[in-house]
N, C-alpha and C. Protein backbone atom coordinates (compact mmCIF):
# COMPACT_ATOMS: atom_id res chain seq x y z
N MET A 1 0.78 -1.04 -0.05
CA MET A 1 0.02 0.08 -0.12
C MET A 1 0.88 1.31 -0.01
N GLU A 2 0.70 2.31 -0.85
CA GLU A 2 1.34 3.42 -0.89
C GLU A 2 1.17 4.41 0.53
N PRO A 3 2.08 4.83 0.86
CA PRO A 3 1.76 5.91 2.09
C PRO A 3 0.93 7.07 1.69
N ASN A 4 1.20 7.60 0.35
CA ASN A 4 0.68 8.56 -0.45
C ASN A 4 -1.05 8.10 -0.16
N HIS A 5 -1.38 6.83 -0.77
CA HIS A 5 -2.83 6.19 -0.65
C HIS A 5 -3.24 6.75 0.83
N GLN A 6 -2.44 6.03 1.84
CA GLN A 6 -3.17 6.01 3.17
C GLN A 6 -3.42 7.36 3.56
N GLN A 7 -2.53 8.65 3.36
CA GLN A 7 -2.69 9.77 3.58
C GLN A 7 -3.88 10.54 3.04
N ARG A 8 -4.21 10.14 1.65
CA ARG A 8 -5.22 10.77 1.19
C ARG A 8 -6.63 10.05 1.69
N PHE A 9 -6.38 8.78 1.93
CA PHE A 9 -7.68 7.96 2.61
C PHE A 9 -8.19 8.91 3.95
N GLU A 10 -7.06 8.77 4.80
CA GLU A 10 -7.02 9.86 6.22
C GLU A 10 -7.78 11.03 5.85
N GLN A 11 -7.16 11.64 4.98
CA GLN A 11 -7.51 13.04 4.89
C GLN A 11 -9.33 12.93 4.22
N ALA A 12 -9.58 12.18 3.44
CA ALA A 12 -11.03 11.90 2.94
C ALA A 12 -11.83 11.48 4.23
N LEU A 13 -11.27 10.52 4.76
CA LEU A 13 -12.05 10.00 6.06
C LEU A 13 -12.69 11.33 7.14
N GLY A 14 -11.46 12.21 7.01
CA GLY A 14 -11.74 13.34 8.12
C GLY A 14 -12.62 14.37 7.67
N GLU A 15 -13.03 14.36 6.32
CA GLU A 15 -13.80 15.60 5.51
C GLU A 15 -15.48 15.34 6.36
N SER A 16 -15.95 16.55 5.94
CA SER A 16 -17.37 16.75 6.49
C SER A 16 -18.38 15.86 6.12
N GLN A 17 -18.28 15.27 4.47
CA GLN A 17 -18.99 14.38 4.07
C GLN A 17 -17.91 13.14 3.77
N PRO A 18 -17.75 12.32 4.69
CA PRO A 18 -16.90 11.39 4.50
C PRO A 18 -17.33 10.34 3.04
N PHE A 19 -18.48 10.06 3.24
CA PHE A 19 -18.80 9.03 1.85
C PHE A 19 -18.60 9.42 0.76
N GLN A 20 -18.83 10.93 0.21
CA GLN A 20 -18.64 11.43 -0.70
C GLN A 20 -17.17 11.60 -0.99
N ASP A 21 -16.41 12.09 0.12
CA ASP A 21 -15.09 12.25 -0.18
C ASP A 21 -14.29 11.07 -0.55
N LEU A 22 -14.51 9.60 0.40
CA LEU A 22 -14.11 8.40 0.13
C LEU A 22 -14.52 7.87 -0.96
N TYR A 23 -15.69 8.07 -1.97
CA TYR A 23 -15.88 7.62 -2.85
C TYR A 23 -15.14 8.41 -4.14
N GLN A 24 -15.23 9.55 -3.82
CA GLN A 24 -14.39 10.35 -4.82
C GLN A 24 -12.95 10.06 -5.01
N LEU A 25 -12.41 9.77 -3.69
CA LEU A 25 -10.85 9.08 -3.84
C LEU A 25 -10.91 7.75 -4.20
N ALA A 26 -11.69 7.14 -4.06
CA ALA A 26 -11.74 5.51 -5.06
C ALA A 26 -11.80 5.65 -6.24
N GLY A 27 -12.70 6.51 -7.12
CA GLY A 27 -12.62 7.01 -8.31
C GLY A 27 -11.37 7.47 -8.78
N THR A 28 -10.72 8.54 -7.95
CA THR A 28 -9.56 9.08 -8.49
C THR A 28 -8.65 7.93 -8.64
N LEU A 29 -8.38 7.20 -7.46
CA LEU A 29 -7.23 6.46 -7.52
C LEU A 29 -7.36 5.40 -8.70
N ARG A 30 -8.91 4.69 -9.05
CA ARG A 30 -9.01 4.05 -10.14
C ARG A 30 -8.27 4.91 -11.66
N ASP A 31 -8.82 6.21 -11.63
CA ASP A 31 -8.34 6.92 -12.88
C ASP A 31 -6.98 7.08 -12.86
N GLU A 32 -6.24 6.92 -11.70
CA GLU A 32 -4.83 6.92 -11.63
C GLU A 32 -4.13 5.72 -11.98
N GLY A 33 -4.89 4.67 -12.32
CA GLY A 33 -4.76 3.24 -12.87
C GLY A 33 -4.37 2.38 -11.23
N VAL A 34 -4.52 2.62 -10.21
CA VAL A 34 -4.72 1.79 -9.13
C VAL A 34 -5.56 0.63 -9.61
N ALA A 35 -5.19 -0.60 -9.45
CA ALA A 35 -6.01 -1.65 -9.25
C ALA A 35 -7.06 -1.81 -8.52
N GLN A 36 -8.24 -2.43 -8.80
CA GLN A 36 -9.49 -2.35 -8.33
C GLN A 36 -9.11 -3.15 -6.88
N ILE A 37 -8.44 -4.34 -6.89
CA ILE A 37 -8.10 -4.79 -5.38
C ILE A 37 -7.24 -4.32 -4.76
N ASP A 38 -6.36 -3.32 -5.35
CA ASP A 38 -5.33 -2.66 -4.33
C ASP A 38 -6.32 -1.38 -3.71
N VAL A 39 -7.34 -1.24 -4.40
CA VAL A 39 -8.29 0.09 -3.87
C VAL A 39 -8.78 -0.38 -2.73
N TYR A 40 -9.46 -1.65 -3.16
CA TYR A 40 -10.43 -2.51 -2.31
C TYR A 40 -9.53 -2.73 -1.05
N SER A 41 -8.22 -3.15 -1.07
CA SER A 41 -7.43 -3.38 0.03
C SER A 41 -7.21 -2.30 0.83
N LEU A 42 -7.02 -0.97 0.53
CA LEU A 42 -6.86 0.02 1.26
C LEU A 42 -8.05 0.34 1.96
N PHE A 43 -9.23 0.47 1.57
CA PHE A 43 -10.53 0.38 2.26
C PHE A 43 -10.57 -0.76 3.33
N ALA A 44 -10.18 -1.51 3.17
CA ALA A 44 -10.56 -2.99 3.91
C ALA A 44 -9.52 -3.01 5.38
N SER A 45 -8.29 -2.25 4.96
CA SER A 45 -7.70 -2.24 5.97
C SER A 45 -7.86 -1.62 7.09
N TYR A 46 -8.57 -0.28 6.73
CA TYR A 46 -9.12 0.44 7.51
C TYR A 46 -10.58 0.18 8.28
N GLN A 47 -11.13 -0.32 7.16
CA GLN A 47 -12.49 -1.14 7.86
C GLN A 47 -12.19 -1.71 8.78
N ALA A 48 -11.29 -2.52 9.03
CA ALA A 48 -10.88 -3.61 9.95
C ALA A 48 -10.30 -2.81 11.25
N LYS A 49 -9.85 -1.55 11.37
CA LYS A 49 -9.47 -0.72 12.40
C LYS A 49 -10.52 -0.11 12.88
N ILE A 50 -11.89 -0.11 12.27
CA ILE A 50 -12.90 0.96 12.86
C ILE A 50 -13.85 0.22 13.28
N SER A 51 -14.43 0.45 14.58
CA SER A 51 -15.67 -0.11 15.46
C SER A 51 -17.07 -0.02 14.09
N GLY A 52 -17.55 -0.97 14.25
CA GLY A 52 -18.91 -0.93 13.64
C GLY A 52 -19.84 0.06 14.43
N ASP A 53 -19.36 0.68 15.56
CA ASP A 53 -20.27 1.71 15.99
C ASP A 53 -19.95 3.04 15.78
N ASP A 54 -18.79 3.24 15.07
CA ASP A 54 -17.98 4.46 14.52
C ASP A 54 -18.96 4.88 13.64
N PRO A 55 -19.28 6.17 13.67
CA PRO A 55 -19.92 6.60 12.69
C PRO A 55 -19.37 6.88 10.88
N LEU A 56 -18.08 6.63 11.04
CA LEU A 56 -17.25 6.71 9.82
C LEU A 56 -17.54 5.41 9.07
N TYR A 57 -17.78 4.21 9.94
CA TYR A 57 -17.93 2.91 9.37
C TYR A 57 -18.76 2.68 8.30
N ASP A 58 -19.45 3.45 8.28
CA ASP A 58 -20.74 2.95 7.25
C ASP A 58 -19.93 3.75 5.88
N ALA A 59 -19.56 5.10 5.90
CA ALA A 59 -18.69 5.68 5.00
C ALA A 59 -17.67 4.80 4.36
N VAL A 60 -16.92 3.97 5.00
CA VAL A 60 -16.08 3.29 4.70
C VAL A 60 -16.33 2.15 3.88
N VAL A 61 -17.29 1.26 4.45
CA VAL A 61 -17.98 -0.02 4.02
C VAL A 61 -18.73 0.21 2.69
N ASP A 62 -19.47 1.40 2.91
CA ASP A 62 -20.51 1.62 1.81
C ASP A 62 -19.92 1.98 0.11
N THR A 63 -18.36 2.61 0.85
CA THR A 63 -17.45 3.02 -0.46
C THR A 63 -16.81 1.59 -0.87
N MET A 64 -16.53 0.91 0.20
CA MET A 64 -16.14 -0.56 -0.35
C MET A 64 -17.06 -1.76 -1.30
N ASP A 65 -18.28 -1.35 -0.94
CA ASP A 65 -19.08 -2.10 -1.74
C ASP A 65 -19.35 -1.32 -3.24
N GLU A 66 -19.09 -0.06 -3.42
CA GLU A 66 -18.83 0.55 -4.79
C GLU A 66 -17.79 -0.12 -5.65
N ILE A 67 -16.62 -0.22 -4.52
CA ILE A 67 -15.30 -0.93 -5.27
C ILE A 67 -15.55 -2.17 -5.57
N HIS A 68 -16.15 -3.17 -4.64
CA HIS A 68 -16.48 -4.31 -5.17
C HIS A 68 -17.06 -4.27 -6.43
N GLY A 69 -18.45 -3.91 -6.14
CA GLY A 69 -19.18 -3.92 -7.48
C GLY A 69 -20.45 -4.84 -7.25
N GLY A 70 -21.05 -5.23 -8.25
CA GLY A 70 -22.24 -6.04 -8.20
C GLY A 70 -23.25 -5.72 -7.33
N SER A 71 -24.19 -6.58 -7.07
CA SER A 71 -25.23 -6.38 -6.36
C SER A 71 -25.12 -5.21 -4.78
N TRP A 72 -23.76 -5.24 -4.24
CA TRP A 72 -23.57 -4.65 -3.28
C TRP A 72 -23.52 -3.03 -3.82
N ALA A 73 -23.45 -2.69 -4.82
CA ALA A 73 -22.86 -1.39 -5.13
C ALA A 73 -24.32 -0.74 -5.65
N LYS A 74 -24.75 0.25 -4.58
CA LYS A 74 -26.01 0.57 -4.93
C LYS A 74 -25.84 1.66 -5.80
N ARG A 75 -24.62 2.37 -6.25
CA ARG A 75 -24.83 3.51 -7.28
C ARG A 75 -24.03 2.94 -8.80
N GLY A 76 -23.99 1.59 -8.72
CA GLY A 76 -23.69 0.81 -10.00
C GLY A 76 -22.12 0.37 -10.03
N GLY A 77 -21.19 0.99 -8.84
CA GLY A 77 -19.70 0.32 -9.08
C GLY A 77 -18.96 1.23 -9.77
N LEU A 78 -17.72 1.31 -8.94
CA LEU A 78 -16.75 2.01 -9.71
C LEU A 78 -15.74 1.26 -10.76
N PHE A 79 -15.86 0.13 -10.52
CA PHE A 79 -15.25 -0.64 -11.58
C PHE A 79 -15.92 -1.36 -12.54
N PRO A 80 -15.45 -1.84 -13.70
CA PRO A 80 -16.34 -2.52 -14.48
C PRO A 80 -16.35 -4.04 -14.13
N THR A 81 -15.76 -4.47 -13.29
CA THR A 81 -15.63 -5.85 -13.37
C THR A 81 -16.03 -6.16 -11.42
N VAL A 82 -16.64 -7.22 -11.11
CA VAL A 82 -16.91 -7.50 -9.52
C VAL A 82 -16.02 -8.20 -9.10
N LEU A 83 -15.36 -7.81 -7.93
CA LEU A 83 -14.04 -8.59 -7.06
C LEU A 83 -14.77 -9.78 -6.73
N THR A 84 -14.14 -10.85 -7.16
CA THR A 84 -14.47 -12.19 -6.62
C THR A 84 -14.08 -12.61 -4.94
N GLU A 85 -14.69 -13.41 -4.47
CA GLU A 85 -14.14 -13.71 -3.07
C GLU A 85 -12.80 -14.54 -3.28
N GLU A 86 -12.55 -15.29 -4.27
CA GLU A 86 -11.45 -15.45 -4.70
C GLU A 86 -10.16 -14.59 -4.63
N ILE A 87 -10.59 -13.70 -5.37
CA ILE A 87 -9.60 -12.80 -5.59
C ILE A 87 -9.14 -11.89 -4.25
N ILE A 88 -10.28 -11.75 -3.44
CA ILE A 88 -10.01 -10.77 -2.09
C ILE A 88 -9.46 -11.78 -1.40
N SER A 89 -9.80 -13.28 -1.16
CA SER A 89 -8.98 -14.05 -0.21
C SER A 89 -7.54 -14.09 -0.47
N LYS A 90 -7.37 -14.22 -1.83
CA LYS A 90 -5.67 -14.56 -2.21
C LYS A 90 -5.06 -13.25 -1.97
N ARG A 91 -5.77 -12.22 -1.80
CA ARG A 91 -5.14 -10.72 -1.68
C ARG A 91 -4.73 -10.47 -0.17
N MET A 92 -5.82 -10.69 0.75
CA MET A 92 -5.75 -10.72 2.01
C MET A 92 -4.75 -11.75 2.83
N LYS A 93 -4.33 -12.96 2.09
CA LYS A 93 -3.31 -13.69 2.57
C LYS A 93 -1.84 -13.01 2.24
N ASN A 94 -2.15 -12.50 0.99
CA ASN A 94 -0.64 -11.86 0.65
C ASN A 94 -0.29 -10.85 1.51
N ASP A 95 -1.20 -10.16 2.04
CA ASP A 95 -1.04 -8.98 2.70
C ASP A 95 -0.59 -9.15 4.18
């Protein structure tokens, strides 16, 4: 994970509208050529650190749904393909 990506994530998370800012960050990273699984992993690393009771939790996991794609993505998803559980599991084992 790029330190710059972590800093940008933390900045977006701290904004007044965290979902919009995180969603925009995920789209920007995609446009910069960052792989879908890498964007998902960035968000997943923070999701693991945040309590489900934290108001920011929903902003993180709702954006993860858009990165993941498929039926989870209420806005239609940020990437043209859907991440499979196989891809996610393989990546999480390597992190």
